[in-house]
Amino acid sequence: MAAVEVILLQRVEKLGQMGDMVKVKPGFARNYLLPEKKAIRANKDNLAKFEQQRAQLEALNLKRREEAERVAERVGGLTVVIVRQAGESGSLYGSVSARDIAEAAAAAGLTVNRSQVVLDHPIKTLGVRQVRVMLHPEVAIPVAVNIARSLEEAEKQARGERVTAVEEEEPELDLEQMLDEEAAQIAAG
């Protein structure tokens, strides 16, 4: 399929800035950029309309970015605690999703939706992780996510203590000792 040319109405990570004309796959444009109002199709009419509204769109974008920066300053260093069931080795029964992090952040005073939480991969173990929250396409804040089995365990993790069971190693037997024992069993048997 041929690429579709669109005009970006806001900054899109790894794609371009506001006003850029970019070529993208048809599905990406149809399923994400156009419905989310992040871009419009690049044709003569839309290009003329965009150029007329460019100053207005840039001013609106600047205002939103400044609001996001104020929120970022206010909630900088936010830590959220998520309590989940887990095995002794620290593996979760399930995983922590962007929705879980958004709900925990809302409880801590930062209202975000799950699409603003950027997870590189699902969180499937206990511990403290750094997650990016995109308040604006140009403003991201780090949020520490503390995943624990209980609130007491979360407090220990926040202090830097290990909470997962440390597997005790069996004492290693000397190779000569093992051969001597095996030879003794053969001689006795």
N, C-alpha and C. Protein backbone atom coordinates (compact mmCIF):
# COMPACT_ATOMS: atom_id res chain seq x y z
N MET A 1 0.83 -1.18 0.00
CA MET A 1 0.00 0.00 0.00
C MET A 1 0.87 1.25 0.00
N ALA A 2 0.38 2.26 -0.63
CA ALA A 2 1.10 3.52 -0.71
C ALA A 2 0.98 4.28 0.61
N ALA A 3 2.00 5.04 0.93
CA ALA A 3 1.99 5.84 2.15
C ALA A 3 1.00 6.99 2.01
N VAL A 4 0.46 7.42 3.13
CA VAL A 4 -0.48 8.53 3.17
C VAL A 4 0.26 9.74 3.72
N GLU A 5 0.07 10.90 3.09
CA GLU A 5 0.72 12.11 3.55
C GLU A 5 -0.24 12.89 4.44
N VAL A 6 0.25 13.27 5.65
CA VAL A 6 -0.56 14.01 6.61
C VAL A 6 0.20 15.22 7.10
N ILE A 7 -0.55 16.17 7.66
CA ILE A 7 0.02 17.36 8.29
C ILE A 7 -0.19 17.19 9.79
N LEU A 8 0.89 17.24 10.55
CA LEU A 8 0.79 17.07 12.00
C LEU A 8 0.24 18.32 12.66
N LEU A 9 -0.76 18.13 13.53
CA LEU A 9 -1.35 19.24 14.26
C LEU A 9 -0.70 19.43 15.63
N GLN A 10 0.11 18.47 16.03
CA GLN A 10 0.88 18.57 17.27
C GLN A 10 2.11 17.69 17.14
N ARG A 11 3.03 17.82 18.08
CA ARG A 11 4.24 17.00 18.05
C ARG A 11 3.86 15.55 18.31
N VAL A 12 4.39 14.66 17.49
CA VAL A 12 4.20 13.22 17.67
C VAL A 12 5.58 12.61 17.82
N GLU A 13 5.79 11.92 18.93
CA GLU A 13 7.09 11.34 19.23
C GLU A 13 7.54 10.41 18.12
N LYS A 14 8.79 10.54 17.72
CA LYS A 14 9.43 9.74 16.68
C LYS A 14 8.83 9.94 15.30
N LEU A 15 8.06 11.03 15.11
CA LEU A 15 7.46 11.29 13.81
C LEU A 15 7.73 12.72 13.34
N GLY A 16 7.45 13.72 14.17
CA GLY A 16 7.71 15.09 13.75
C GLY A 16 7.04 16.12 14.63
N GLN A 17 7.25 17.40 14.26
CA GLN A 17 6.72 18.54 15.01
C GLN A 17 5.43 19.04 14.37
N MET A 18 4.76 19.94 15.06
CA MET A 18 3.54 20.54 14.53
C MET A 18 3.85 21.22 13.20
N GLY A 19 2.99 20.98 12.21
CA GLY A 19 3.15 21.60 10.90
C GLY A 19 3.94 20.78 9.92
N ASP A 20 4.62 19.74 10.37
CA ASP A 20 5.39 18.90 9.46
C ASP A 20 4.46 18.08 8.58
N MET A 21 4.83 17.95 7.31
CA MET A 21 4.11 17.04 6.41
C MET A 21 4.92 15.74 6.38
N VAL A 22 4.29 14.66 6.79
CA VAL A 22 5.00 13.37 6.88
C VAL A 22 4.20 12.30 6.15
N LYS A 23 4.93 11.29 5.68
CA LYS A 23 4.29 10.15 5.05
C LYS A 23 4.26 9.01 6.07
N VAL A 24 3.07 8.44 6.25
CA VAL A 24 2.90 7.35 7.20
C VAL A 24 2.09 6.23 6.53
N LYS A 25 2.10 5.08 7.16
CA LYS A 25 1.30 3.98 6.64
C LYS A 25 -0.18 4.30 6.79
N PRO A 26 -1.00 3.82 5.87
CA PRO A 26 -2.42 4.16 5.90
C PRO A 26 -3.12 3.78 7.20
N GLY A 27 -2.78 2.62 7.76
CA GLY A 27 -3.42 2.18 9.00
C GLY A 27 -3.08 3.08 10.18
N PHE A 28 -1.83 3.55 10.25
CA PHE A 28 -1.42 4.45 11.33
C PHE A 28 -2.20 5.76 11.24
N ALA A 29 -2.35 6.28 10.03
CA ALA A 29 -3.10 7.52 9.85
C ALA A 29 -4.58 7.30 10.17
N ARG A 30 -5.16 6.25 9.61
CA ARG A 30 -6.59 5.99 9.75
C ARG A 30 -6.99 5.61 11.17
N ASN A 31 -6.15 4.85 11.87
CA ASN A 31 -6.52 4.32 13.18
C ASN A 31 -6.01 5.14 14.36
N TYR A 32 -5.00 5.98 14.15
CA TYR A 32 -4.44 6.71 15.29
C TYR A 32 -4.39 8.22 15.06
N LEU A 33 -3.64 8.66 14.05
CA LEU A 33 -3.41 10.10 13.88
C LEU A 33 -4.69 10.88 13.60
N LEU A 34 -5.51 10.42 12.67
CA LEU A 34 -6.72 11.17 12.30
C LEU A 34 -7.79 11.12 13.40
N PRO A 35 -8.14 9.96 13.97
CA PRO A 35 -9.17 9.95 15.02
C PRO A 35 -8.75 10.70 16.29
N GLU A 36 -7.46 10.69 16.61
CA GLU A 36 -6.96 11.38 17.81
C GLU A 36 -6.74 12.87 17.57
N LYS A 37 -7.05 13.34 16.36
CA LYS A 37 -6.89 14.76 15.97
C LYS A 37 -5.44 15.22 16.13
N LYS A 38 -4.50 14.33 15.83
CA LYS A 38 -3.09 14.66 15.87
C LYS A 38 -2.59 15.07 14.49
N ALA A 39 -3.41 14.81 13.46
CA ALA A 39 -3.01 15.15 12.09
C ALA A 39 -4.26 15.28 11.22
N ILE A 40 -4.05 15.92 10.06
CA ILE A 40 -5.10 15.98 9.03
C ILE A 40 -4.47 15.54 7.72
N ARG A 41 -5.29 15.06 6.82
CA ARG A 41 -4.79 14.63 5.51
C ARG A 41 -4.18 15.83 4.78
N ALA A 42 -3.10 15.58 4.08
CA ALA A 42 -2.40 16.65 3.36
C ALA A 42 -3.00 16.78 1.95
N ASN A 43 -3.85 17.78 1.79
CA ASN A 43 -4.34 18.14 0.46
C ASN A 43 -4.35 19.67 0.39
N LYS A 44 -4.67 20.20 -0.77
CA LYS A 44 -4.58 21.64 -0.98
C LYS A 44 -5.49 22.41 -0.01
N ASP A 45 -6.73 21.95 0.18
CA ASP A 45 -7.67 22.66 1.06
C ASP A 45 -7.21 22.62 2.53
N ASN A 46 -6.81 21.44 2.99
CA ASN A 46 -6.38 21.31 4.38
C ASN A 46 -5.09 22.08 4.64
N LEU A 47 -4.20 22.12 3.66
CA LEU A 47 -2.96 22.87 3.81
C LEU A 47 -3.26 24.36 3.95
N ALA A 48 -4.17 24.87 3.14
CA ALA A 48 -4.55 26.29 3.22
C ALA A 48 -5.22 26.59 4.56
N LYS A 49 -6.11 25.68 5.01
CA LYS A 49 -6.80 25.86 6.29
C LYS A 49 -5.80 25.83 7.44
N PHE A 50 -4.82 24.91 7.36
CA PHE A 50 -3.81 24.82 8.42
C PHE A 50 -2.97 26.09 8.50
N GLU A 51 -2.57 26.62 7.33
CA GLU A 51 -1.74 27.83 7.32
C GLU A 51 -2.50 29.02 7.91
N GLN A 52 -3.83 29.10 7.69
CA GLN A 52 -4.63 30.18 8.28
C GLN A 52 -4.69 30.05 9.79
N GLN A 53 -4.78 28.81 10.29
CA GLN A 53 -4.95 28.58 11.73
C GLN A 53 -3.64 28.29 12.44
N ARG A 54 -2.53 28.33 11.73
CA ARG A 54 -1.24 27.94 12.31
C ARG A 54 -0.89 28.74 13.56
N ALA A 55 -1.02 30.06 13.52
CA ALA A 55 -0.67 30.90 14.67
C ALA A 55 -1.57 30.57 15.86
N GLN A 56 -2.84 30.37 15.59
CA GLN A 56 -3.79 30.03 16.65
C GLN A 56 -3.46 28.67 17.27
N LEU A 57 -3.14 27.68 16.43
CA LEU A 57 -2.79 26.35 16.92
C LEU A 57 -1.49 26.37 17.72
N GLU A 58 -0.51 27.15 17.25
CA GLU A 58 0.76 27.25 17.97
C GLU A 58 0.57 27.93 19.33
N ALA A 59 -0.28 28.95 19.39
CA ALA A 59 -0.54 29.63 20.66
C ALA A 59 -1.25 28.68 21.63
N LEU A 60 -2.20 27.92 21.13
CA LEU A 60 -2.91 26.95 21.96
C LEU A 60 -1.96 25.87 22.46
N ASN A 61 -1.07 25.40 21.59
CA ASN A 61 -0.08 24.39 21.96
C ASN A 61 0.86 24.93 23.04
N LEU A 62 1.29 26.19 22.88
CA LEU A 62 2.19 26.81 23.85
C LEU A 62 1.51 26.94 25.21
N LYS A 63 0.25 27.33 25.21
CA LYS A 63 -0.51 27.46 26.47
C LYS A 63 -0.62 26.10 27.17
N ARG A 64 -0.95 25.07 26.41
CA ARG A 64 -1.08 23.72 27.00
C ARG A 64 0.27 23.23 27.53
N ARG A 65 1.34 23.52 26.81
CA ARG A 65 2.67 23.09 27.26
C ARG A 65 3.05 23.79 28.56
N GLU A 66 2.75 25.09 28.67
CA GLU A 66 3.07 25.82 29.90
C GLU A 66 2.28 25.27 31.08
N GLU A 67 1.00 24.92 30.85
CA GLU A 67 0.20 24.31 31.92
C GLU A 67 0.80 22.97 32.34
N ALA A 68 1.22 22.18 31.36
CA ALA A 68 1.82 20.88 31.66
C ALA A 68 3.12 21.04 32.43
N GLU A 69 3.91 22.07 32.09
CA GLU A 69 5.17 22.31 32.81
C GLU A 69 4.91 22.73 34.25
N ARG A 70 3.85 23.52 34.49
CA ARG A 70 3.50 23.90 35.87
C ARG A 70 3.09 22.66 36.66
N VAL A 71 2.30 21.79 36.06
CA VAL A 71 1.88 20.55 36.74
C VAL A 71 3.10 19.69 37.02
N ALA A 72 4.03 19.61 36.05
CA ALA A 72 5.24 18.80 36.23
C ALA A 72 6.08 19.31 37.40
N GLU A 73 6.18 20.63 37.54
CA GLU A 73 6.92 21.19 38.68
C GLU A 73 6.24 20.87 40.00
N ARG A 74 4.91 20.92 40.00
CA ARG A 74 4.15 20.69 41.23
C ARG A 74 4.23 19.24 41.70
N VAL A 75 4.20 18.30 40.77
CA VAL A 75 4.17 16.88 41.17
C VAL A 75 5.48 16.17 40.87
N GLY A 76 6.56 16.91 40.72
CA GLY A 76 7.85 16.30 40.45
C GLY A 76 8.24 15.34 41.57
N GLY A 77 8.79 14.19 41.20
CA GLY A 77 9.21 13.20 42.19
C GLY A 77 8.07 12.39 42.76
N LEU A 78 6.98 12.29 42.04
CA LEU A 78 5.81 11.53 42.51
C LEU A 78 6.14 10.04 42.59
N THR A 79 5.73 9.41 43.68
CA THR A 79 5.87 7.97 43.85
C THR A 79 4.50 7.39 44.15
N VAL A 80 4.13 6.34 43.43
CA VAL A 80 2.86 5.67 43.68
C VAL A 80 3.14 4.24 44.12
N VAL A 81 2.27 3.72 44.99
CA VAL A 81 2.41 2.36 45.50
C VAL A 81 1.26 1.53 44.94
N ILE A 82 1.61 0.38 44.39
CA ILE A 82 0.62 -0.56 43.88
C ILE A 82 0.82 -1.88 44.61
N VAL A 83 -0.24 -2.36 45.27
CA VAL A 83 -0.16 -3.61 46.02
C VAL A 83 -0.73 -4.72 45.14
N ARG A 84 0.09 -5.78 44.95
CA ARG A 84 -0.30 -6.92 44.12
C ARG A 84 0.14 -8.21 44.79
N GLN A 85 -0.53 -9.29 44.45
CA GLN A 85 -0.10 -10.60 44.92
C GLN A 85 1.07 -11.07 44.08
N ALA A 86 2.02 -11.73 44.77
CA ALA A 86 3.22 -12.20 44.07
C ALA A 86 3.75 -13.44 44.77
N GLY A 87 4.53 -14.21 44.03
CA GLY A 87 5.17 -15.39 44.58
C GLY A 87 6.39 -15.02 45.41
N GLU A 88 6.99 -16.02 46.04
CA GLU A 88 8.16 -15.80 46.88
C GLU A 88 9.35 -15.23 46.10
N SER A 89 9.44 -15.58 44.81
CA SER A 89 10.57 -15.11 43.99
C SER A 89 10.38 -13.66 43.54
N GLY A 90 9.20 -13.08 43.78
CA GLY A 90 8.95 -11.70 43.39
C GLY A 90 8.19 -11.56 42.08
N SER A 91 7.79 -12.69 41.47
CA SER A 91 7.02 -12.65 40.23
C SER A 91 5.56 -12.36 40.55
N LEU A 92 4.99 -11.40 39.83
CA LEU A 92 3.59 -11.06 40.05
C LEU A 92 2.67 -12.10 39.44
N TYR A 93 1.51 -12.27 40.04
CA TYR A 93 0.46 -13.09 39.44
C TYR A 93 -0.32 -12.16 38.51
N GLY A 94 0.15 -12.02 37.29
CA GLY A 94 -0.41 -11.05 36.35
C GLY A 94 0.64 -9.99 36.09
N SER A 95 0.22 -8.79 35.71
CA SER A 95 1.18 -7.71 35.48
C SER A 95 0.53 -6.38 35.85
N VAL A 96 1.35 -5.36 35.96
CA VAL A 96 0.88 -4.01 36.25
C VAL A 96 0.77 -3.29 34.92
N SER A 97 -0.40 -2.76 34.62
CA SER A 97 -0.64 -2.11 33.33
C SER A 97 -0.63 -0.60 33.47
N ALA A 98 -0.71 0.07 32.34
CA ALA A 98 -0.77 1.54 32.32
C ALA A 98 -2.02 2.03 33.04
N ARG A 99 -3.11 1.29 32.94
CA ARG A 99 -4.36 1.66 33.62
C ARG A 99 -4.14 1.65 35.14
N ASP A 100 -3.46 0.62 35.66
CA ASP A 100 -3.19 0.53 37.10
C ASP A 100 -2.37 1.72 37.57
N ILE A 101 -1.36 2.10 36.79
CA ILE A 101 -0.50 3.22 37.16
C ILE A 101 -1.28 4.53 37.10
N ALA A 102 -2.13 4.70 36.10
CA ALA A 102 -2.94 5.91 35.98
C ALA A 102 -3.89 6.05 37.17
N GLU A 103 -4.50 4.93 37.59
CA GLU A 103 -5.42 4.97 38.74
C GLU A 103 -4.66 5.30 40.03
N ALA A 104 -3.47 4.72 40.21
CA ALA A 104 -2.67 5.00 41.40
C ALA A 104 -2.20 6.46 41.40
N ALA A 105 -1.85 6.99 40.24
CA ALA A 105 -1.42 8.39 40.14
C ALA A 105 -2.59 9.33 40.46
N ALA A 106 -3.80 8.97 40.00
CA ALA A 106 -4.98 9.77 40.29
C ALA A 106 -5.25 9.79 41.80
N ALA A 107 -5.06 8.65 42.46
CA ALA A 107 -5.24 8.58 43.91
C ALA A 107 -4.20 9.43 44.63
N ALA A 108 -3.01 9.59 44.02
CA ALA A 108 -1.94 10.39 44.62
C ALA A 108 -2.05 11.87 44.26
N GLY A 109 -3.03 12.24 43.43
CA GLY A 109 -3.25 13.65 43.12
C GLY A 109 -2.88 14.09 41.72
N LEU A 110 -2.44 13.18 40.86
CA LEU A 110 -2.09 13.53 39.48
C LEU A 110 -3.09 12.84 38.56
N THR A 111 -3.99 13.61 37.97
CA THR A 111 -5.00 13.03 37.10
C THR A 111 -4.45 12.86 35.69
N VAL A 112 -4.26 11.61 35.31
CA VAL A 112 -3.80 11.27 33.96
C VAL A 112 -4.63 10.09 33.47
N ASN A 113 -4.68 9.92 32.16
CA ASN A 113 -5.35 8.73 31.65
C ASN A 113 -4.30 7.73 31.21
N ARG A 114 -4.73 6.52 30.95
CA ARG A 114 -3.77 5.44 30.70
C ARG A 114 -2.96 5.65 29.43
N SER A 115 -3.48 6.41 28.47
CA SER A 115 -2.72 6.64 27.24
C SER A 115 -1.52 7.57 27.48
N GLN A 116 -1.52 8.28 28.60
CA GLN A 116 -0.41 9.17 28.92
C GLN A 116 0.73 8.44 29.61
N VAL A 117 0.47 7.23 30.12
CA VAL A 117 1.49 6.44 30.80
C VAL A 117 2.26 5.64 29.76
N VAL A 118 3.58 5.82 29.71
CA VAL A 118 4.41 5.14 28.72
C VAL A 118 5.13 3.97 29.39
N LEU A 119 4.73 2.76 29.02
CA LEU A 119 5.38 1.54 29.53
C LEU A 119 6.15 0.92 28.38
N ASP A 120 7.46 0.74 28.56
CA ASP A 120 8.26 0.10 27.52
C ASP A 120 7.95 -1.38 27.43
N HIS A 121 7.67 -2.00 28.56
CA HIS A 121 7.28 -3.41 28.61
C HIS A 121 6.44 -3.62 29.86
N PRO A 122 5.63 -4.67 29.90
CA PRO A 122 4.78 -4.90 31.07
C PRO A 122 5.63 -5.13 32.32
N ILE A 123 5.12 -4.68 33.46
CA ILE A 123 5.82 -4.87 34.73
C ILE A 123 5.30 -6.15 35.36
N LYS A 124 6.18 -7.12 35.55
CA LYS A 124 5.76 -8.44 36.04
C LYS A 124 6.49 -8.88 37.30
N THR A 125 7.26 -7.96 37.93
CA THR A 125 7.98 -8.32 39.15
C THR A 125 7.82 -7.22 40.20
N LEU A 126 8.05 -7.58 41.46
CA LEU A 126 8.03 -6.61 42.54
C LEU A 126 9.21 -5.67 42.40
N GLY A 127 9.10 -4.49 42.98
CA GLY A 127 10.22 -3.56 42.96
C GLY A 127 9.77 -2.14 42.63
N VAL A 128 10.75 -1.26 42.56
CA VAL A 128 10.50 0.15 42.24
C VAL A 128 10.98 0.40 40.82
N ARG A 129 10.11 0.93 39.97
CA ARG A 129 10.43 1.20 38.57
C ARG A 129 10.14 2.66 38.26
N GLN A 130 10.87 3.22 37.31
CA GLN A 130 10.60 4.57 36.81
C GLN A 130 9.75 4.44 35.54
N VAL A 131 8.66 5.18 35.48
CA VAL A 131 7.75 5.17 34.33
C VAL A 131 7.57 6.61 33.88
N ARG A 132 7.52 6.82 32.56
CA ARG A 132 7.29 8.16 32.02
C ARG A 132 5.79 8.41 31.89
N VAL A 133 5.38 9.62 32.29
CA VAL A 133 4.00 10.07 32.10
C VAL A 133 4.06 11.30 31.21
N MET A 134 3.41 11.22 30.06
CA MET A 134 3.40 12.32 29.10
C MET A 134 2.24 13.27 29.42
N LEU A 135 2.56 14.42 30.02
CA LEU A 135 1.54 15.41 30.33
C LEU A 135 1.16 16.21 29.09
N HIS A 136 2.09 16.28 28.14
CA HIS A 136 1.92 17.02 26.89
C HIS A 136 2.91 16.37 25.92
N PRO A 137 2.70 16.43 24.62
CA PRO A 137 3.66 15.80 23.71
C PRO A 137 5.10 16.27 23.91
N GLU A 138 5.31 17.42 24.53
CA GLU A 138 6.65 17.93 24.74
C GLU A 138 7.07 17.93 26.21
N VAL A 139 6.19 17.46 27.12
CA VAL A 139 6.50 17.46 28.55
C VAL A 139 6.22 16.08 29.13
N ALA A 140 7.30 15.46 29.66
CA ALA A 140 7.15 14.14 30.30
C ALA A 140 7.75 14.23 31.69
N ILE A 141 7.12 13.52 32.65
CA ILE A 141 7.68 13.47 34.00
C ILE A 141 7.91 12.02 34.37
N PRO A 142 8.97 11.77 35.16
CA PRO A 142 9.18 10.41 35.66
C PRO A 142 8.34 10.19 36.91
N VAL A 143 7.71 9.03 37.00
CA VAL A 143 6.94 8.65 38.18
C VAL A 143 7.52 7.33 38.68
N ALA A 144 7.85 7.28 39.97
CA ALA A 144 8.36 6.05 40.56
C ALA A 144 7.17 5.18 40.94
N VAL A 145 7.16 3.95 40.44
CA VAL A 145 6.08 3.01 40.73
C VAL A 145 6.66 1.93 41.64
N ASN A 146 6.12 1.85 42.85
CA ASN A 146 6.58 0.89 43.85
C ASN A 146 5.56 -0.25 43.91
N ILE A 147 5.94 -1.42 43.40
CA ILE A 147 5.04 -2.57 43.37
C ILE A 147 5.45 -3.51 44.49
N ALA A 148 4.50 -3.78 45.39
CA ALA A 148 4.80 -4.60 46.56
C ALA A 148 3.60 -5.47 46.92
N ARG A 149 3.83 -6.44 47.82
CA ARG A 149 2.75 -7.32 48.29
C ARG A 149 1.92 -6.67 49.39
N SER A 150 2.49 -5.69 50.10
CA SER A 150 1.77 -5.00 51.17
C SER A 150 2.37 -3.60 51.33
N LEU A 151 1.68 -2.75 52.09
CA LEU A 151 2.20 -1.40 52.30
C LEU A 151 3.49 -1.42 53.11
N GLU A 152 3.61 -2.35 54.06
CA GLU A 152 4.84 -2.47 54.85
C GLU A 152 6.01 -2.83 53.93
N GLU A 153 5.76 -3.76 53.01
CA GLU A 153 6.80 -4.17 52.07
C GLU A 153 7.18 -3.01 51.16
N ALA A 154 6.20 -2.20 50.77
CA ALA A 154 6.47 -1.03 49.93
C ALA A 154 7.38 -0.05 50.65
N GLU A 155 7.17 0.13 51.96
CA GLU A 155 8.01 1.03 52.73
C GLU A 155 9.45 0.50 52.78
N LYS A 156 9.60 -0.82 52.93
CA LYS A 156 10.94 -1.42 52.94
C LYS A 156 11.63 -1.20 51.59
N GLN A 157 10.89 -1.42 50.50
CA GLN A 157 11.45 -1.23 49.16
C GLN A 157 11.86 0.22 48.95
N ALA A 158 11.06 1.16 49.45
CA ALA A 158 11.37 2.58 49.29
C ALA A 158 12.67 2.93 50.01
N ARG A 159 12.97 2.21 51.11
CA ARG A 159 14.23 2.44 51.84
C ARG A 159 15.40 1.73 51.17
N GLY A 160 15.11 0.88 50.18
CA GLY A 160 16.18 0.19 49.46
C GLY A 160 16.44 -1.23 49.93
N GLU A 161 15.58 -1.76 50.80
CA GLU A 161 15.76 -3.13 51.28
C GLU A 161 15.20 -4.12 50.28
N ARG A 162 15.81 -5.32 50.25
CA ARG A 162 15.30 -6.39 49.39
C ARG A 162 14.15 -7.08 50.09
N VAL A 163 13.09 -7.38 49.37
CA VAL A 163 11.94 -8.04 49.98
C VAL A 163 11.69 -9.43 49.40
N THR A 164 12.33 -9.76 48.29
CA THR A 164 12.13 -11.09 47.72
C THR A 164 13.00 -12.09 48.45
N ALA A 165 12.52 -13.31 48.50
CA ALA A 165 13.25 -14.36 49.20
C ALA A 165 14.56 -14.64 48.48
N VAL A 166 15.64 -14.65 49.22
CA VAL A 166 16.94 -14.95 48.66
C VAL A 166 17.12 -16.46 48.73
N GLU A 167 17.33 -17.06 47.57
CA GLU A 167 17.48 -18.51 47.54
C GLU A 167 18.82 -18.88 48.15
N GLU A 168 18.75 -19.79 49.14
CA GLU A 168 19.98 -20.24 49.79
C GLU A 168 20.65 -21.27 48.91
N GLU A 169 21.94 -21.09 48.74
CA GLU A 169 22.69 -22.00 47.90
C GLU A 169 23.07 -23.23 48.70
N GLU A 170 22.99 -24.39 48.05
CA GLU A 170 23.42 -25.61 48.70
C GLU A 170 24.94 -25.60 48.73
N PRO A 171 25.51 -26.12 49.81
CA PRO A 171 26.98 -26.14 49.84
C PRO A 171 27.50 -27.05 48.74
N GLU A 172 28.53 -26.57 48.06
CA GLU A 172 29.08 -27.35 46.96
C GLU A 172 29.95 -28.48 47.51
N LEU A 173 29.76 -29.65 46.95
CA LEU A 173 30.58 -30.80 47.35
C LEU A 173 31.82 -30.82 46.48
N ASP A 174 32.88 -31.22 47.09
CA ASP A 174 34.15 -31.35 46.39
C ASP A 174 34.04 -32.55 45.44
N LEU A 175 34.56 -32.47 44.24
CA LEU A 175 34.49 -33.56 43.26
C LEU A 175 35.15 -34.82 43.79
N GLU A 176 36.29 -34.66 44.45
CA GLU A 176 36.97 -35.84 45.01
C GLU A 176 36.11 -36.49 46.08
N GLN A 177 35.46 -35.68 46.90
CA GLN A 177 34.61 -36.20 47.97
C GLN A 177 33.45 -37.00 47.37
N MET A 178 32.84 -36.50 46.29
CA MET A 178 31.73 -37.19 45.64
C MET A 178 32.18 -38.52 45.06
N LEU A 179 33.36 -38.55 44.42
CA LEU A 179 33.89 -39.79 43.84
C LEU A 179 34.22 -40.80 44.93
N ASP A 180 34.78 -40.34 46.07
CA ASP A 180 35.10 -41.22 47.18
C ASP A 180 33.82 -41.86 47.75
N GLU A 181 32.73 -41.02 47.89
CA GLU A 181 31.47 -41.56 48.42
C GLU A 181 30.88 -42.58 47.47
N GLU A 182 30.94 -42.30 46.16
CA GLU A 182 30.40 -43.22 45.17
C GLU A 182 31.19 -44.53 45.16
N ALA A 183 32.52 -44.45 45.28
CA ALA A 183 33.37 -45.65 45.31
C ALA A 183 33.07 -46.48 46.56
N ALA A 184 32.79 -45.78 47.68
CA ALA A 184 32.48 -46.50 48.92
C ALA A 184 31.15 -47.24 48.80
N GLN A 185 30.17 -46.61 48.12
CA GLN A 185 28.87 -47.27 47.94
C GLN A 185 29.00 -48.49 47.04
N ILE A 186 29.82 -48.41 46.01
CA ILE A 186 30.01 -49.53 45.08
C ILE A 186 30.71 -50.69 45.80
N ALA A 187 31.71 -50.35 46.63
CA ALA A 187 32.46 -51.39 47.36
C ALA A 187 31.57 -52.07 48.39
N ALA A 188 30.63 -51.29 49.00
CA ALA A 188 29.75 -51.85 50.03
C ALA A 188 28.64 -52.68 49.39
N GLY A 189 28.28 -52.37 48.17
CA GLY A 189 27.11 -52.97 47.53
C GLY A 189 27.43 -54.08 46.66
